[in-house]
PDB file of N, CA and C in Angstrom:
ATOM      1  N   MET A   1     -22.799  -8.537  19.571  1.00  0.00           N
ATOM      2  CA  MET A   1     -23.512  -7.276  19.653  1.00  0.00           C
ATOM      3  C   MET A   1     -24.644  -7.316  18.642  1.00  0.00           C
ATOM      4  N   THR A   2     -25.808  -6.960  19.045  1.00  0.00           N
ATOM      5  CA  THR A   2     -26.934  -6.943  18.133  1.00  0.00           C
ATOM      6  C   THR A   2     -27.077  -5.572  17.503  1.00  0.00           C
ATOM      7  N   SER A   3     -27.740  -5.532  16.384  1.00  0.00           N
ATOM      8  CA  SER A   3     -27.932  -4.268  15.677  1.00  0.00           C
ATOM      9  C   SER A   3     -28.754  -3.288  16.493  1.00  0.00           C
ATOM     10  N   GLU A   4     -29.635  -3.817  17.345  1.00  0.00           N
ATOM     11  CA  GLU A   4     -30.483  -2.935  18.139  1.00  0.00           C
ATOM     12  C   GLU A   4     -29.666  -2.074  19.093  1.00  0.00           C
ATOM     13  N   GLU A   5     -28.411  -2.499  19.384  1.00  0.00           N
ATOM     14  CA  GLU A   5     -27.549  -1.754  20.292  1.00  0.00           C
ATOM     15  C   GLU A   5     -26.738  -0.691  19.563  1.00  0.00           C
ATOM     16  N   GLY A   6     -27.013  -0.478  18.271  1.00  0.00           N
ATOM     17  CA  GLY A   6     -26.277   0.502  17.483  1.00  0.00           C
ATOM     18  C   GLY A   6     -26.442   1.906  18.015  1.00  0.00           C
ATOM     19  N   PHE A   7     -25.613   2.803  17.497  1.00  0.00           N
ATOM     20  CA  PHE A   7     -25.571   4.157  18.016  1.00  0.00           C
ATOM     21  C   PHE A   7     -26.826   4.966  17.707  1.00  0.00           C
ATOM     22  N   VAL A   8     -27.516   4.665  16.608  1.00  0.00           N
ATOM     23  CA  VAL A   8     -28.689   5.457  16.251  1.00  0.00           C
ATOM     24  C   VAL A   8     -29.979   4.653  16.337  1.00  0.00           C
ATOM     25  N   GLY A   9     -29.908   3.449  16.851  1.00  0.00           N
ATOM     26  CA  GLY A   9     -31.112   2.651  17.041  1.00  0.00           C
ATOM     27  C   GLY A   9     -31.662   2.039  15.765  1.00  0.00           C
ATOM     28  N   VAL A  10     -30.847   1.953  14.716  1.00  0.00           N
ATOM     29  CA  VAL A  10     -31.273   1.379  13.449  1.00  0.00           C
ATOM     30  C   VAL A  10     -30.826  -0.080  13.403  1.00  0.00           C
ATOM     31  N   ASP A  11     -31.710  -0.960  13.006  1.00  0.00           N
ATOM     32  CA  ASP A  11     -31.363  -2.371  12.855  1.00  0.00           C
ATOM     33  C   ASP A  11     -30.690  -2.526  11.496  1.00  0.00           C
ATOM     34  N   ILE A  12     -29.372  -2.416  11.482  1.00  0.00           N
ATOM     35  CA  ILE A  12     -28.613  -2.420  10.236  1.00  0.00           C
ATOM     36  C   ILE A  12     -28.719  -3.762   9.529  1.00  0.00           C
ATOM     37  N   ASP A  13     -28.721  -4.857  10.293  1.00  0.00           N
ATOM     38  CA  ASP A  13     -28.842  -6.169   9.666  1.00  0.00           C
ATOM     39  C   ASP A  13     -30.151  -6.287   8.902  1.00  0.00           C
ATOM     40  N   ALA A  14     -31.236  -5.798   9.479  1.00  0.00           N
ATOM     41  CA  ALA A  14     -32.535  -5.836   8.789  1.00  0.00           C
ATOM     42  C   ALA A  14     -32.513  -4.942   7.554  1.00  0.00           C
ATOM     43  N   LEU A  15     -31.850  -3.808   7.662  1.00  0.00           N
ATOM     44  CA  LEU A  15     -31.734  -2.884   6.532  1.00  0.00           C
ATOM     45  C   LEU A  15     -30.951  -3.539   5.392  1.00  0.00           C
ATOM     46  N   CYS A  16     -29.850  -4.183   5.719  1.00  0.00           N
ATOM     47  CA  CYS A  16     -28.987  -4.792   4.705  1.00  0.00           C
ATOM     48  C   CYS A  16     -29.559  -6.086   4.130  1.00  0.00           C
ATOM     49  N   GLU A  17     -30.468  -6.683   4.857  1.00  0.00           N
ATOM     50  CA  GLU A  17     -31.052  -7.961   4.436  1.00  0.00           C
ATOM     51  C   GLU A  17     -31.659  -7.888   3.036  1.00  0.00           C
ATOM     52  N   HIS A  18     -32.159  -6.736   2.653  1.00  0.00           N
ATOM     53  CA  HIS A  18     -32.848  -6.588   1.383  1.00  0.00           C
ATOM     54  C   HIS A  18     -31.954  -6.038   0.280  1.00  0.00           C
ATOM     55  N   LEU A  19     -30.688  -5.810   0.586  1.00  0.00           N
ATOM     56  CA  LEU A  19     -29.763  -5.279  -0.410  1.00  0.00           C
ATOM     57  C   LEU A  19     -29.186  -6.400  -1.268  1.00  0.00           C
ATOM     58  N   GLN A  20     -28.857  -6.067  -2.498  1.00  0.00           N
ATOM     59  CA  GLN A  20     -28.147  -7.008  -3.354  1.00  0.00           C
ATOM     60  C   GLN A  20     -26.755  -7.217  -2.754  1.00  0.00           C
ATOM     61  N   PRO A  21     -26.146  -8.388  -2.948  1.00  0.00           N
ATOM     62  CA  PRO A  21     -24.849  -8.689  -2.322  1.00  0.00           C
ATOM     63  C   PRO A  21     -23.776  -7.619  -2.554  1.00  0.00           C
ATOM     64  N   GLU A  22     -23.663  -7.103  -3.772  1.00  0.00           N
ATOM     65  CA  GLU A  22     -22.614  -6.102  -4.029  1.00  0.00           C
ATOM     66  C   GLU A  22     -22.908  -4.787  -3.299  1.00  0.00           C
ATOM     67  N   ARG A  23     -24.169  -4.452  -3.128  1.00  0.00           N
ATOM     68  CA  ARG A  23     -24.512  -3.239  -2.377  1.00  0.00           C
ATOM     69  C   ARG A  23     -24.294  -3.443  -0.876  1.00  0.00           C
ATOM     70  N   LYS A  24     -24.564  -4.653  -0.412  1.00  0.00           N
ATOM     71  CA  LYS A  24     -24.323  -4.976   0.990  1.00  0.00           C
ATOM     72  C   LYS A  24     -22.828  -4.879   1.292  1.00  0.00           C
ATOM     73  N   GLU A  25     -21.994  -5.389   0.388  1.00  0.00           N
ATOM     74  CA  GLU A  25     -20.542  -5.303   0.559  1.00  0.00           C
ATOM     75  C   GLU A  25     -20.083  -3.844   0.549  1.00  0.00           C
ATOM     76  N   ALA A  26     -20.652  -3.040  -0.338  1.00  0.00           N
ATOM     77  CA  ALA A  26     -20.287  -1.619  -0.412  1.00  0.00           C
ATOM     78  C   ALA A  26     -20.697  -0.896   0.869  1.00  0.00           C
ATOM     79  N   PHE A  27     -21.876  -1.211   1.387  1.00  0.00           N
ATOM     80  CA  PHE A  27     -22.349  -0.603   2.638  1.00  0.00           C
ATOM     81  C   PHE A  27     -21.403  -0.968   3.780  1.00  0.00           C
ATOM     82  N   ASN A  28     -21.029  -2.245   3.853  1.00  0.00           N
ATOM     83  CA  ASN A  28     -20.135  -2.695   4.917  1.00  0.00           C
ATOM     84  C   ASN A  28     -18.770  -2.013   4.801  1.00  0.00           C
ATOM     85  N   ALA A  29     -18.240  -1.908   3.589  1.00  0.00           N
ATOM     86  CA  ALA A  29     -16.941  -1.246   3.381  1.00  0.00           C
ATOM     87  C   ALA A  29     -17.004   0.213   3.823  1.00  0.00           C
ATOM     88  N   ALA A  30     -18.108   0.890   3.509  1.00  0.00           N
ATOM     89  CA  ALA A  30     -18.269   2.292   3.927  1.00  0.00           C
ATOM     90  C   ALA A  30     -18.360   2.401   5.445  1.00  0.00           C
ATOM     91  N   GLU A  31     -19.051   1.464   6.061  1.00  0.00           N
ATOM     92  CA  GLU A  31     -19.183   1.464   7.522  1.00  0.00           C
ATOM     93  C   GLU A  31     -17.820   1.246   8.187  1.00  0.00           C
ATOM     94  N   VAL A  32     -17.023   0.330   7.642  1.00  0.00           N
ATOM     95  CA  VAL A  32     -15.684   0.063   8.184  1.00  0.00           C
ATOM     96  C   VAL A  32     -14.803   1.305   8.032  1.00  0.00           C
ATOM     97  N   LYS A  33     -14.852   1.949   6.863  1.00  0.00           N
ATOM     98  CA  LYS A  33     -14.057   3.172   6.645  1.00  0.00           C
ATOM     99  C   LYS A  33     -14.469   4.267   7.625  1.00  0.00           C
ATOM    100  N   ALA A  34     -15.752   4.374   7.906  1.00  0.00           N
ATOM    101  CA  ALA A  34     -16.223   5.373   8.875  1.00  0.00           C
ATOM    102  C   ALA A  34     -15.632   5.087  10.253  1.00  0.00           C
ATOM    103  N   GLY A  35     -15.546   3.828  10.629  1.00  0.00           N
ATOM    104  CA  GLY A  35     -14.943   3.445  11.906  1.00  0.00           C
ATOM    105  C   GLY A  35     -13.465   3.779  11.952  1.00  0.00           C
ATOM    106  N   GLU A  36     -12.788   3.609  10.821  1.00  0.00           N
ATOM    107  CA  GLU A  36     -11.364   3.944  10.759  1.00  0.00           C
ATOM    108  C   GLU A  36     -11.154   5.453  10.873  1.00  0.00           C
ATOM    109  N   ARG A  37     -12.044   6.234  10.278  1.00  0.00           N
ATOM    110  CA  ARG A  37     -11.929   7.697  10.391  1.00  0.00           C
ATOM    111  C   ARG A  37     -12.129   8.163  11.830  1.00  0.00           C
ATOM    112  N   ARG A  38     -12.931   7.418  12.602  1.00  0.00           N
ATOM    113  CA  ARG A  38     -13.179   7.772  14.005  1.00  0.00           C
ATOM    114  C   ARG A  38     -12.240   6.998  14.928  1.00  0.00           C
ATOM    115  N   HIS A  39     -10.998   6.846  14.514  1.00  0.00           N
ATOM    116  CA  HIS A  39     -10.016   6.077  15.282  1.00  0.00           C
ATOM    117  C   HIS A  39      -9.519   6.864  16.499  1.00  0.00           C
ATOM    118  N   VAL A  40      -8.905   6.129  17.394  1.00  0.00           N
ATOM    119  CA  VAL A  40      -8.192   6.731  18.529  1.00  0.00           C
ATOM    120  C   VAL A  40      -6.712   6.491  18.271  1.00  0.00           C
ATOM    121  N   LYS A  41      -5.927   7.552  18.286  1.00  0.00           N
ATOM    122  CA  LYS A  41      -4.481   7.439  18.110  1.00  0.00           C
ATOM    123  C   LYS A  41      -3.829   7.449  19.489  1.00  0.00           C
ATOM    124  N   VAL A  42      -3.024   6.429  19.760  1.00  0.00           N
ATOM    125  CA  VAL A  42      -2.375   6.280  21.061  1.00  0.00           C
ATOM    126  C   VAL A  42      -1.342   7.388  21.250  1.00  0.00           C
ATOM    127  N   LYS A  43      -1.512   8.121  22.357  1.00  0.00           N
ATOM    128  CA  LYS A  43      -0.591   9.195  22.722  1.00  0.00           C
ATOM    129  C   LYS A  43      -0.174   8.977  24.165  1.00  0.00           C
ATOM    130  N   GLY A  44       1.124   9.013  24.411  1.00  0.00           N
ATOM    131  CA  GLY A  44       1.600   8.850  25.782  1.00  0.00           C
ATOM    132  C   GLY A  44       1.322   7.456  26.313  1.00  0.00           C
ATOM    133  N   ALA A  45       1.067   7.386  27.598  1.00  0.00           N
ATOM    134  CA  ALA A  45       0.853   6.115  28.291  1.00  0.00           C
ATOM    135  C   ALA A  45      -0.613   5.721  28.252  1.00  0.00           C
ATOM    136  N   MET A  46      -1.062   5.167  27.122  1.00  0.00           N
ATOM    137  CA  MET A  46      -2.449   4.729  26.980  1.00  0.00           C
ATOM    138  C   MET A  46      -2.512   3.204  26.982  1.00  0.00           C
ATOM    139  N   THR A  47      -3.508   2.681  27.679  1.00  0.00           N
ATOM    140  CA  THR A  47      -3.769   1.247  27.682  1.00  0.00           C
ATOM    141  C   THR A  47      -4.957   0.970  26.760  1.00  0.00           C
ATOM    142  N   LEU A  48      -5.210  -0.301  26.518  1.00  0.00           N
ATOM    143  CA  LEU A  48      -6.368  -0.672  25.712  1.00  0.00           C
ATOM    144  C   LEU A  48      -7.654  -0.210  26.396  1.00  0.00           C
ATOM    145  N   HIS A  49      -7.673  -0.233  27.721  1.00  0.00           N
ATOM    146  CA  HIS A  49      -8.854   0.235  28.457  1.00  0.00           C
ATOM    147  C   HIS A  49      -9.087   1.724  28.215  1.00  0.00           C
ATOM    148  N   ASN A  50      -8.000   2.508  28.132  1.00  0.00           N
ATOM    149  CA  ASN A  50      -8.140   3.935  27.824  1.00  0.00           C
ATOM    150  C   ASN A  50      -8.761   4.138  26.448  1.00  0.00           C
ATOM    151  N   VAL A  51      -8.359   3.310  25.499  1.00  0.00           N
ATOM    152  CA  VAL A  51      -8.911   3.400  24.140  1.00  0.00           C
ATOM    153  C   VAL A  51     -10.394   3.042  24.157  1.00  0.00           C
ATOM    154  N   CYS A  52     -10.748   1.981  24.880  1.00  0.00           N
ATOM    155  CA  CYS A  52     -12.158   1.578  24.977  1.00  0.00           C
ATOM    156  C   CYS A  52     -12.999   2.708  25.571  1.00  0.00           C
ATOM    157  N   LYS A  53     -12.469   3.374  26.588  1.00  0.00           N
ATOM    158  CA  LYS A  53     -13.175   4.504  27.198  1.00  0.00           C
ATOM    159  C   LYS A  53     -13.302   5.652  26.199  1.00  0.00           C
ATOM    160  N   ALA A  54     -12.253   5.903  25.420  1.00  0.00           N
ATOM    161  CA  ALA A  54     -12.290   6.973  24.421  1.00  0.00           C
ATOM    162  C   ALA A  54     -13.333   6.692  23.345  1.00  0.00           C
ATOM    163  N   HIS A  55     -13.547   5.418  23.043  1.00  0.00           N
ATOM    164  CA  HIS A  55     -14.583   5.031  22.077  1.00  0.00           C
ATOM    165  C   HIS A  55     -15.968   4.945  22.738  1.00  0.00           C
ATOM    166  N   ALA A  56     -16.038   5.208  24.032  1.00  0.00           N
ATOM    167  CA  ALA A  56     -17.290   5.143  24.795  1.00  0.00           C
ATOM    168  C   ALA A  56     -17.925   3.749  24.742  1.00  0.00           C
ATOM    169  N   LEU A  57     -17.068   2.724  24.758  1.00  0.00           N
ATOM    170  CA  LEU A  57     -17.577   1.355  24.781  1.00  0.00           C
ATOM    171  C   LEU A  57     -17.942   0.969  26.208  1.00  0.00           C
ATOM    172  N   PRO A  58     -19.078   0.322  26.398  1.00  0.00           N
ATOM    173  CA  PRO A  58     -19.418  -0.174  27.732  1.00  0.00           C
ATOM    174  C   PRO A  58     -18.361  -1.192  28.176  1.00  0.00           C
ATOM    175  N   MET A  59     -18.053  -1.230  29.455  1.00  0.00           N
ATOM    176  CA  MET A  59     -17.018  -2.113  29.986  1.00  0.00           C
ATOM    177  C   MET A  59     -17.245  -3.565  29.566  1.00  0.00           C
ATOM    178  N   GLY A  60     -18.472  -3.976  29.484  1.00  0.00           N
ATOM    179  CA  GLY A  60     -18.790  -5.349  29.099  1.00  0.00           C
ATOM    180  C   GLY A  60     -18.383  -5.704  27.678  1.00  0.00           C
ATOM    181  N   LEU A  61     -18.046  -4.705  26.858  1.00  0.00           N
ATOM    182  CA  LEU A  61     -17.655  -4.961  25.467  1.00  0.00           C
ATOM    183  C   LEU A  61     -16.154  -4.799  25.235  1.00  0.00           C
ATOM    184  N   TRP A  62     -15.391  -4.482  26.275  1.00  0.00           N
ATOM    185  CA  TRP A  62     -13.957  -4.257  26.097  1.00  0.00           C
ATOM    186  C   TRP A  62     -13.250  -5.509  25.590  1.00  0.00           C
ATOM    187  N   GLY A  63     -13.548  -6.657  26.138  1.00  0.00           N
ATOM    188  CA  GLY A  63     -12.942  -7.911  25.678  1.00  0.00           C
ATOM    189  C   GLY A  63     -13.354  -8.232  24.251  1.00  0.00           C
ATOM    190  N   ALA A  64     -14.617  -7.988  23.940  1.00  0.00           N
ATOM    191  CA  ALA A  64     -15.111  -8.228  22.579  1.00  0.00           C
ATOM    192  C   ALA A  64     -14.404  -7.311  21.581  1.00  0.00           C
ATOM    193  N   TYR A  65     -14.141  -6.066  21.994  1.00  0.00           N
ATOM    194  CA  TYR A  65     -13.444  -5.120  21.118  1.00  0.00           C
ATOM    195  C   TYR A  65     -12.036  -5.634  20.804  1.00  0.00           C
ATOM    196  N   ARG A  66     -11.315  -6.095  21.824  1.00  0.00           N
ATOM    197  CA  ARG A  66      -9.968  -6.631  21.599  1.00  0.00           C
ATOM    198  C   ARG A  66     -10.029  -7.854  20.692  1.00  0.00           C
ATOM    199  N   ASN A  67     -10.961  -8.750  20.946  1.00  0.00           N
ATOM    200  CA  ASN A  67     -11.109  -9.941  20.099  1.00  0.00           C
ATOM    201  C   ASN A  67     -11.429  -9.557  18.661  1.00  0.00           C
ATOM    202  N   TRP A  68     -12.287  -8.561  18.493  1.00  0.00           N
ATOM    203  CA  TRP A  68     -12.653  -8.086  17.154  1.00  0.00           C
ATOM    204  C   TRP A  68     -11.428  -7.517  16.437  1.00  0.00           C
ATOM    205  N   LEU A  69     -10.619  -6.720  17.151  1.00  0.00           N
ATOM    206  CA  LEU A  69      -9.416  -6.151  16.532  1.00  0.00           C
ATOM    207  C   LEU A  69      -8.453  -7.252  16.078  1.00  0.00           C
ATOM    208  N   LEU A  70      -8.381  -8.347  16.821  1.00  0.00           N
ATOM    209  CA  LEU A  70      -7.453  -9.430  16.510  1.00  0.00           C
ATOM    210  C   LEU A  70      -8.010 -10.443  15.521  1.00  0.00           C
ATOM    211  N   HIS A  71      -9.293 -10.380  15.239  1.00  0.00           N
ATOM    212  CA  HIS A  71      -9.929 -11.377  14.369  1.00  0.00           C
ATOM    213  C   HIS A  71      -9.365 -11.289  12.959  1.00  0.00           C
ATOM    214  N   GLU A  72      -8.895 -12.416  12.439  1.00  0.00           N
ATOM    215  CA  GLU A  72      -8.227 -12.416  11.134  1.00  0.00           C
ATOM    216  C   GLU A  72      -9.161 -12.096   9.975  1.00  0.00           C
ATOM    217  N   ASP A  73     -10.461 -12.325  10.124  1.00  0.00           N
ATOM    218  CA  ASP A  73     -11.414 -12.050   9.049  1.00  0.00           C
ATOM    219  C   ASP A  73     -12.038 -10.662   9.140  1.00  0.00           C
ATOM    220  N   LYS A  74     -11.591  -9.876  10.127  1.00  0.00           N
ATOM    221  CA  LYS A  74     -12.136  -8.527  10.294  1.00  0.00           C
ATOM    222  C   LYS A  74     -11.766  -7.666   9.090  1.00  0.00           C
ATOM    223  N   GLU A  75     -12.711  -6.863   8.658  1.00  0.00           N
ATOM    224  CA  GLU A  75     -12.458  -5.937   7.575  1.00  0.00           C
ATOM    225  C   GLU A  75     -11.604  -4.783   8.086  1.00  0.00           C
ATOM    226  N   GLY A  76     -10.858  -4.156   7.210  1.00  0.00           N
ATOM    227  CA  GLY A  76     -10.106  -2.969   7.603  1.00  0.00           C
ATOM    228  C   GLY A  76      -8.746  -3.295   8.203  1.00  0.00           C
ATOM    229  N   TRP A  77      -8.271  -2.406   9.064  1.00  0.00           N
ATOM    230  CA  TRP A  77      -6.935  -2.512   9.652  1.00  0.00           C
ATOM    231  C   TRP A  77      -6.773  -3.824  10.403  1.00  0.00           C
ATOM    232  N   LYS A  78      -5.574  -4.405  10.315  1.00  0.00           N
ATOM    233  CA  LYS A  78      -5.262  -5.686  10.967  1.00  0.00           C
ATOM    234  C   LYS A  78      -4.319  -5.455  12.152  1.00  0.00           C
ATOM    235  N   PHE A  79      -4.472  -6.285  13.181  1.00  0.00           N
ATOM    236  CA  PHE A  79      -3.652  -6.191  14.382  1.00  0.00           C
ATOM    237  C   PHE A  79      -3.213  -7.580  14.807  1.00  0.00           C
ATOM    238  N   VAL A  80      -2.122  -7.631  15.571  1.00  0.00           N
ATOM    239  CA  VAL A  80      -1.619  -8.895  16.129  1.00  0.00           C
ATOM    240  C   VAL A  80      -1.563  -8.749  17.646  1.00  0.00           C
ATOM    241  N   GLU A  81      -1.426  -9.873  18.339  1.00  0.00           N
ATOM    242  CA  GLU A  81      -1.409  -9.887  19.809  1.00  0.00           C
ATOM    243  C   GLU A  81      -0.437  -8.859  20.389  1.00  0.00           C
ATOM    244  N   ALA A  82       0.748  -8.746  19.793  1.00  0.00           N
ATOM    245  CA  ALA A  82       1.769  -7.835  20.320  1.00  0.00           C
ATOM    246  C   ALA A  82       1.310  -6.369  20.270  1.00  0.00           C
ATOM    247  N   ASP A  83       0.391  -6.043  19.360  1.00  0.00           N
ATOM    248  CA  ASP A  83      -0.134  -4.676  19.257  1.00  0.00           C
ATOM    249  C   ASP A  83      -1.043  -4.321  20.423  1.00  0.00           C
ATOM    250  N   LEU A  84      -1.679  -5.339  21.018  1.00  0.00           N
ATOM    251  CA  LEU A  84      -2.756  -5.106  21.982  1.00  0.00           C
ATOM    252  C   LEU A  84      -2.522  -5.816  23.314  1.00  0.00           C
ATOM    253  N   PRO A  85      -1.495  -5.404  24.050  1.00  0.00           N
ATOM    254  CA  PRO A  85      -1.257  -6.067  25.342  1.00  0.00           C
ATOM    255  C   PRO A  85      -2.472  -5.916  26.260  1.00  0.00           C
ATOM    256  N   ASN A  86      -2.783  -6.997  26.945  1.00  0.00           N
ATOM    257  CA  ASN A  86      -3.978  -7.009  27.788  1.00  0.00           C
ATOM    258  C   ASN A  86      -3.617  -7.124  29.268  1.00  0.00           C
ATOM    259  N   THR A  87      -2.351  -6.932  29.572  1.00  0.00           N
ATOM    260  CA  THR A  87      -1.875  -7.003  30.948  1.00  0.00           C
ATOM    261  C   THR A  87      -2.143  -5.668  31.637  1.00  0.00           C
ATOM    262  N   ARG A  88      -2.606  -5.741  32.854  1.00  0.00           N
ATOM    263  CA  ARG A  88      -2.938  -4.524  33.610  1.00  0.00           C
ATOM    264  C   ARG A  88      -1.760  -3.544  33.617  1.00  0.00           C
ATOM    265  N   GLY A  89      -2.018  -2.322  33.192  1.00  0.00           N
ATOM    266  CA  GLY A  89      -1.022  -1.265  33.198  1.00  0.00           C
ATOM    267  C   GLY A  89      -0.064  -1.272  32.010  1.00  0.00           C
ATOM    268  N   LYS A  90      -0.153  -2.273  31.144  1.00  0.00           N
ATOM    269  CA  LYS A  90       0.738  -2.355  29.980  1.00  0.00           C
ATOM    270  C   LYS A  90       0.238  -1.386  28.903  1.00  0.00           C
ATOM    271  N   CYS A  91       1.114  -0.492  28.481  1.00  0.00           N
ATOM    272  CA  CYS A  91       0.730   0.549  27.522  1.00  0.00           C
ATOM    273  C   CYS A  91       0.851   0.085  26.073  1.00  0.00           C
ATOM    274  N   LEU A  92       0.030   0.692  25.248  1.00  0.00           N
ATOM    275  CA  LEU A  92       0.065   0.435  23.816  1.00  0.00           C
ATOM    276  C   LEU A  92       1.190   1.241  23.183  1.00  0.00           C
ATOM    277  N   ARG A  93       1.602   0.825  21.991  1.00  0.00           N
ATOM    278  CA  ARG A  93       2.665   1.503  21.254  1.00  0.00           C
ATOM    279  C   ARG A  93       2.203   2.896  20.839  1.00  0.00           C
ATOM    280  N   GLU A  94       3.024   3.888  21.115  1.00  0.00           N
ATOM    281  CA  GLU A  94       2.738   5.278  20.743  1.00  0.00           C
ATOM    282  C   GLU A  94       2.484   5.357  19.233  1.00  0.00           C
ATOM    283  N   GLY A  95       1.431   6.072  18.857  1.00  0.00           N
ATOM    284  CA  GLY A  95       1.099   6.271  17.450  1.00  0.00           C
ATOM    285  C   GLY A  95       0.167   5.228  16.862  1.00  0.00           C
ATOM    286  N   LEU A  96      -0.069   4.116  17.582  1.00  0.00           N
ATOM    287  CA  LEU A  96      -0.983   3.085  17.103  1.00  0.00           C
ATOM    288  C   LEU A  96      -2.372   3.692  16.941  1.00  0.00           C
ATOM    289  N   GLN A  97      -3.048   3.361  15.852  1.00  0.00           N
ATOM    290  CA  GLN A  97      -4.392   3.882  15.601  1.00  0.00           C
ATOM    291  C   GLN A  97      -5.392   2.728  15.687  1.00  0.00           C
ATOM    292  N   LEU A  98      -6.377   2.882  16.564  1.00  0.00           N
ATOM    293  CA  LEU A  98      -7.378   1.836  16.781  1.00  0.00           C
ATOM    294  C   LEU A  98      -8.749   2.345  16.353  1.00  0.00           C
ATOM    295  N   PRO A  99      -9.370   1.649  15.384  1.00  0.00           N
ATOM    296  CA  PRO A  99     -10.641   2.122  14.833  1.00  0.00           C
ATOM    297  C   PRO A  99     -11.810   1.975  15.793  1.00  0.00           C
ATOM    298  N   CYS A 100     -12.801   2.786  15.576  1.00  0.00           N
ATOM    299  CA  CYS A 100     -14.071   2.635  16.268  1.00  0.00           C
ATOM    300  C   CYS A 100     -14.699   1.340  15.749  1.00  0.00           C
ATOM    301  N   PRO A 101     -15.279   0.518  16.603  1.00  0.00           N
ATOM    302  CA  PRO A 101     -15.857  -0.740  16.116  1.00  0.00           C
ATOM    303  C   PRO A 101     -17.038  -0.493  15.187  1.00  0.00           C
ATOM    304  N   ASP A 102     -16.948  -1.042  14.006  1.00  0.00           N
ATOM    305  CA  ASP A 102     -17.977  -0.876  12.984  1.00  0.00           C
ATOM    306  C   ASP A 102     -17.917  -2.045  12.019  1.00  0.00           C
ATOM    307  N   GLY A 103     -18.942  -2.219  11.254  1.00  0.00           N
ATOM    308  CA  GLY A 103     -18.958  -3.235  10.215  1.00  0.00           C
ATOM    309  C   GLY A 103     -19.675  -4.498  10.647  1.00  0.00           C
ATOM    310  N   GLU A 104     -19.892  -5.330   9.660  1.00  0.00           N
ATOM    311  CA  GLU A 104     -20.637  -6.569   9.880  1.00  0.00           C
ATOM    312  C   GLU A 104     -19.965  -7.492  10.890  1.00  0.00           C
ATOM    313  N   SER A 105     -18.622  -7.575  10.841  1.00  0.00           N
ATOM    314  CA  SER A 105     -17.935  -8.468  11.781  1.00  0.00           C
ATOM    315  C   SER A 105     -18.124  -8.017  13.232  1.00  0.00           C
ATOM    316  N   TRP A 106     -18.230  -6.717  13.464  1.00  0.00           N
ATOM    317  CA  TRP A 106     -18.501  -6.226  14.828  1.00  0.00           C
ATOM    318  C   TRP A 106     -19.924  -6.562  15.234  1.00  0.00           C
ATOM    319  N   ARG A 107     -20.865  -6.368  14.344  1.00  0.00           N
ATOM    320  CA  ARG A 107     -22.267  -6.653  14.678  1.00  0.00           C
ATOM    321  C   ARG A 107     -22.505  -8.134  14.915  1.00  0.00           C
ATOM    322  N   GLN A 108     -21.673  -8.998  14.327  1.00  0.00           N
ATOM    323  CA  GLN A 108     -21.851 -10.438  14.490  1.00  0.00           C
ATOM    324  C   GLN A 108     -21.372 -10.945  15.845  1.00  0.00           C
ATOM    325  N   LEU A 109     -20.609 -10.145  16.573  1.00  0.00           N
ATOM    326  CA  LEU A 109     -20.096 -10.591  17.884  1.00  0.00           C
ATOM    327  C   LEU A 109     -21.215 -10.807  18.885  1.00  0.00           C
TER     328      LEU A 109
END
């Protein structure tokens, strides 16, 4: 995903390019926390596709979102394969919280 596809049309990578490393890390941490605050909490019979729709992700990014959630170097909350079944009609665990995609690792996809 490129920065130009961001929600407000700001090229975040270009903005961060001029920041000192510690400020860039702080900006990224704040962005990740913002994504966690805008999480979707699984209620009832929800699939990963339902979560993607709730986050208003284009269908073409649904696979990337799952890969991002499973990526071991992703900042913020961590997930394992068992948390995110990808089989048609397979529901997620009730109460699971899935963050809105944010942060440098999401933009690098």
